[in-house]
Amino acid sequence: MSSLPVVTGEQAIKAFSRLGFSVARVAGSHHIMKKQGHRYVLSVPVHSGRTVKAGTLRALIRTAGTTPEEFAELLD
């Protein structure tokens, strides 16, 4: 199993945006992201300066239809 990168919610949003997702709305501290033609939405937690927990990030990556390695390449 590959190791997951440690990212904040803002970094995750930028990476998912590079995959074609866009922020549809903000519900409290979660940014709801959609992609045209994609069945599921992503609910990315954005808490100031805090990192996304590993299990949450793993589920978001899986739901987005990518792998941790591909996700890590999208981070800059």
N, C-alpha and C. Protein backbone atom coordinates (compact mmCIF):
# COMPACT_ATOMS: atom_id res chain seq x y z
N MET A 1 0.84 -1.17 0.00
CA MET A 1 0.00 0.00 0.00
C MET A 1 0.88 1.24 0.00
N SER A 2 0.53 2.20 -0.82
CA SER A 2 1.34 3.40 -0.92
C SER A 2 1.00 4.36 0.20
N SER A 3 1.96 5.22 0.50
CA SER A 3 1.71 6.19 1.56
C SER A 3 0.96 7.40 0.99
N LEU A 4 0.09 7.92 1.79
CA LEU A 4 -0.69 9.08 1.38
C LEU A 4 0.07 10.36 1.70
N PRO A 5 -0.05 11.37 0.86
CA PRO A 5 0.57 12.66 1.18
C PRO A 5 -0.21 13.33 2.31
N VAL A 6 0.44 14.18 3.05
CA VAL A 6 -0.21 14.95 4.11
C VAL A 6 -0.53 16.31 3.51
N VAL A 7 -1.83 16.62 3.39
CA VAL A 7 -2.25 17.87 2.75
C VAL A 7 -3.33 18.56 3.56
N THR A 8 -3.42 19.87 3.36
CA THR A 8 -4.51 20.63 3.95
C THR A 8 -5.70 20.57 3.00
N GLY A 9 -6.84 21.04 3.45
CA GLY A 9 -8.02 21.06 2.61
C GLY A 9 -7.83 21.92 1.38
N GLU A 10 -7.14 23.05 1.52
CA GLU A 10 -6.90 23.94 0.38
C GLU A 10 -6.04 23.25 -0.68
N GLN A 11 -5.02 22.52 -0.24
CA GLN A 11 -4.16 21.79 -1.18
C GLN A 11 -4.94 20.70 -1.89
N ALA A 12 -5.81 20.02 -1.17
CA ALA A 12 -6.63 18.96 -1.77
C ALA A 12 -7.56 19.53 -2.82
N ILE A 13 -8.15 20.68 -2.55
CA ILE A 13 -9.05 21.32 -3.52
C ILE A 13 -8.30 21.66 -4.80
N LYS A 14 -7.08 22.19 -4.68
CA LYS A 14 -6.29 22.52 -5.87
C LYS A 14 -5.98 21.26 -6.68
N ALA A 15 -5.65 20.17 -6.00
CA ALA A 15 -5.32 18.93 -6.69
C ALA A 15 -6.55 18.36 -7.39
N PHE A 16 -7.69 18.34 -6.72
CA PHE A 16 -8.90 17.83 -7.34
C PHE A 16 -9.37 18.73 -8.48
N SER A 17 -9.09 20.01 -8.38
CA SER A 17 -9.42 20.93 -9.48
C SER A 17 -8.64 20.57 -10.73
N ARG A 18 -7.41 20.13 -10.56
CA ARG A 18 -6.59 19.71 -11.70
C ARG A 18 -7.13 18.44 -12.35
N LEU A 19 -7.95 17.69 -11.61
CA LEU A 19 -8.59 16.49 -12.15
C LEU A 19 -9.92 16.82 -12.85
N GLY A 20 -10.32 18.09 -12.81
CA GLY A 20 -11.55 18.49 -13.47
C GLY A 20 -12.71 18.76 -12.54
N PHE A 21 -12.51 18.64 -11.24
CA PHE A 21 -13.57 18.95 -10.28
C PHE A 21 -13.59 20.45 -10.03
N SER A 22 -14.76 20.98 -9.72
CA SER A 22 -14.88 22.39 -9.36
C SER A 22 -15.77 22.51 -8.13
N VAL A 23 -15.56 23.58 -7.38
CA VAL A 23 -16.34 23.80 -6.17
C VAL A 23 -17.73 24.25 -6.58
N ALA A 24 -18.73 23.45 -6.21
CA ALA A 24 -20.12 23.77 -6.53
C ALA A 24 -20.74 24.66 -5.46
N ARG A 25 -20.38 24.39 -4.21
CA ARG A 25 -20.90 25.20 -3.11
C ARG A 25 -20.04 24.95 -1.87
N VAL A 26 -20.25 25.79 -0.87
CA VAL A 26 -19.57 25.64 0.40
C VAL A 26 -20.64 25.43 1.47
N ALA A 27 -20.54 24.33 2.17
CA ALA A 27 -21.49 24.00 3.24
C ALA A 27 -20.73 24.01 4.55
N GLY A 28 -20.76 25.12 5.24
CA GLY A 28 -20.01 25.24 6.49
C GLY A 28 -18.53 25.24 6.21
N SER A 29 -17.82 24.26 6.74
CA SER A 29 -16.38 24.18 6.53
C SER A 29 -16.02 23.13 5.47
N HIS A 30 -17.00 22.66 4.72
CA HIS A 30 -16.75 21.67 3.68
C HIS A 30 -17.04 22.26 2.31
N HIS A 31 -16.14 22.03 1.38
CA HIS A 31 -16.32 22.47 0.01
C HIS A 31 -16.83 21.27 -0.79
N ILE A 32 -17.97 21.44 -1.42
CA ILE A 32 -18.59 20.38 -2.20
C ILE A 32 -18.12 20.54 -3.64
N MET A 33 -17.43 19.52 -4.16
CA MET A 33 -16.86 19.59 -5.50
C MET A 33 -17.58 18.62 -6.43
N LYS A 34 -17.84 19.08 -7.66
CA LYS A 34 -18.49 18.26 -8.67
C LYS A 34 -17.66 18.25 -9.93
N LYS A 35 -17.89 17.21 -10.73
CA LYS A 35 -17.22 17.09 -12.04
C LYS A 35 -18.29 16.67 -13.04
N GLN A 36 -18.32 17.36 -14.17
CA GLN A 36 -19.29 17.04 -15.21
C GLN A 36 -19.11 15.58 -15.65
N GLY A 37 -20.20 14.82 -15.64
CA GLY A 37 -20.15 13.43 -16.07
C GLY A 37 -19.68 12.45 -15.01
N HIS A 38 -19.34 12.95 -13.83
CA HIS A 38 -18.89 12.08 -12.74
C HIS A 38 -20.08 11.82 -11.82
N ARG A 39 -20.22 10.60 -11.40
CA ARG A 39 -21.40 10.19 -10.63
C ARG A 39 -21.45 10.75 -9.22
N TYR A 40 -20.30 10.91 -8.59
CA TYR A 40 -20.25 11.29 -7.18
C TYR A 40 -19.73 12.70 -6.98
N VAL A 41 -20.01 13.27 -5.81
CA VAL A 41 -19.46 14.56 -5.42
C VAL A 41 -18.42 14.33 -4.33
N LEU A 42 -17.52 15.28 -4.17
CA LEU A 42 -16.50 15.22 -3.13
C LEU A 42 -16.82 16.28 -2.08
N SER A 43 -16.75 15.91 -0.82
CA SER A 43 -16.95 16.86 0.27
C SER A 43 -15.61 17.00 0.99
N VAL A 44 -14.89 18.06 0.64
CA VAL A 44 -13.53 18.26 1.16
C VAL A 44 -13.60 19.16 2.39
N PRO A 45 -13.12 18.66 3.55
CA PRO A 45 -13.11 19.50 4.75
C PRO A 45 -11.99 20.53 4.68
N VAL A 46 -12.33 21.78 4.92
CA VAL A 46 -11.34 22.86 4.90
C VAL A 46 -11.37 23.54 6.26
N HIS A 47 -10.41 23.17 7.09
CA HIS A 47 -10.27 23.76 8.42
C HIS A 47 -8.93 24.47 8.44
N SER A 48 -8.93 25.72 8.75
CA SER A 48 -7.76 26.59 8.66
C SER A 48 -6.49 25.95 9.23
N GLY A 49 -5.54 25.67 8.36
CA GLY A 49 -4.24 25.17 8.77
C GLY A 49 -4.18 23.71 9.18
N ARG A 50 -5.30 23.02 9.22
CA ARG A 50 -5.30 21.62 9.64
C ARG A 50 -5.25 20.71 8.43
N THR A 51 -4.62 19.56 8.61
CA THR A 51 -4.51 18.61 7.51
C THR A 51 -5.75 17.71 7.46
N VAL A 52 -5.99 17.17 6.29
CA VAL A 52 -7.10 16.23 6.10
C VAL A 52 -6.66 14.89 6.65
N LYS A 53 -7.49 14.25 7.43
CA LYS A 53 -7.14 12.96 8.02
C LYS A 53 -6.94 11.92 6.94
N ALA A 54 -6.09 10.95 7.21
CA ALA A 54 -5.70 9.95 6.21
C ALA A 54 -6.88 9.17 5.66
N GLY A 55 -7.78 8.72 6.52
CA GLY A 55 -8.92 7.95 6.05
C GLY A 55 -9.85 8.77 5.18
N THR A 56 -10.05 10.03 5.53
CA THR A 56 -10.88 10.92 4.74
C THR A 56 -10.25 11.17 3.38
N LEU A 57 -8.95 11.43 3.37
CA LEU A 57 -8.26 11.68 2.11
C LEU A 57 -8.27 10.44 1.23
N ARG A 58 -8.06 9.28 1.81
CA ARG A 58 -8.09 8.03 1.05
C ARG A 58 -9.46 7.83 0.39
N ALA A 59 -10.53 8.10 1.13
CA ALA A 59 -11.89 7.97 0.59
C ALA A 59 -12.15 8.98 -0.51
N LEU A 60 -11.67 10.21 -0.36
CA LEU A 60 -11.85 11.23 -1.39
C LEU A 60 -11.11 10.85 -2.67
N ILE A 61 -9.90 10.35 -2.53
CA ILE A 61 -9.11 9.95 -3.70
C ILE A 61 -9.80 8.80 -4.42
N ARG A 62 -10.29 7.82 -3.67
CA ARG A 62 -10.98 6.68 -4.27
C ARG A 62 -12.26 7.13 -4.98
N THR A 63 -13.02 8.02 -4.35
CA THR A 63 -14.26 8.52 -4.93
C THR A 63 -13.98 9.31 -6.21
N ALA A 64 -12.87 10.02 -6.24
CA ALA A 64 -12.50 10.80 -7.42
C ALA A 64 -12.06 9.91 -8.58
N GLY A 65 -11.81 8.64 -8.30
CA GLY A 65 -11.41 7.72 -9.36
C GLY A 65 -9.95 7.78 -9.71
N THR A 66 -9.11 8.11 -8.75
CA THR A 66 -7.68 8.19 -8.99
C THR A 66 -6.94 7.36 -7.93
N THR A 67 -5.64 7.35 -8.01
CA THR A 67 -4.82 6.61 -7.05
C THR A 67 -4.03 7.61 -6.20
N PRO A 68 -3.54 7.17 -5.05
CA PRO A 68 -2.72 8.07 -4.23
C PRO A 68 -1.47 8.58 -4.96
N GLU A 69 -0.89 7.74 -5.81
CA GLU A 69 0.29 8.16 -6.56
C GLU A 69 -0.06 9.28 -7.54
N GLU A 70 -1.17 9.11 -8.27
CA GLU A 70 -1.58 10.15 -9.22
C GLU A 70 -1.97 11.43 -8.48
N PHE A 71 -2.62 11.29 -7.34
CA PHE A 71 -3.00 12.46 -6.54
C PHE A 71 -1.76 13.20 -6.09
N ALA A 72 -0.74 12.47 -5.62
CA ALA A 72 0.50 13.10 -5.14
C ALA A 72 1.19 13.88 -6.26
N GLU A 73 1.09 13.40 -7.50
CA GLU A 73 1.70 14.12 -8.63
C GLU A 73 0.99 15.44 -8.91
N LEU A 74 -0.28 15.55 -8.54
CA LEU A 74 -1.04 16.77 -8.79
C LEU A 74 -0.76 17.87 -7.78
N LEU A 75 -0.08 17.52 -6.69
CA LEU A 75 0.23 18.51 -5.66
C LEU A 75 1.45 19.33 -6.05
N ASP A 76 1.35 20.61 -5.88
CA ASP A 76 2.51 21.50 -6.14
C ASP A 76 2.59 22.58 -5.11
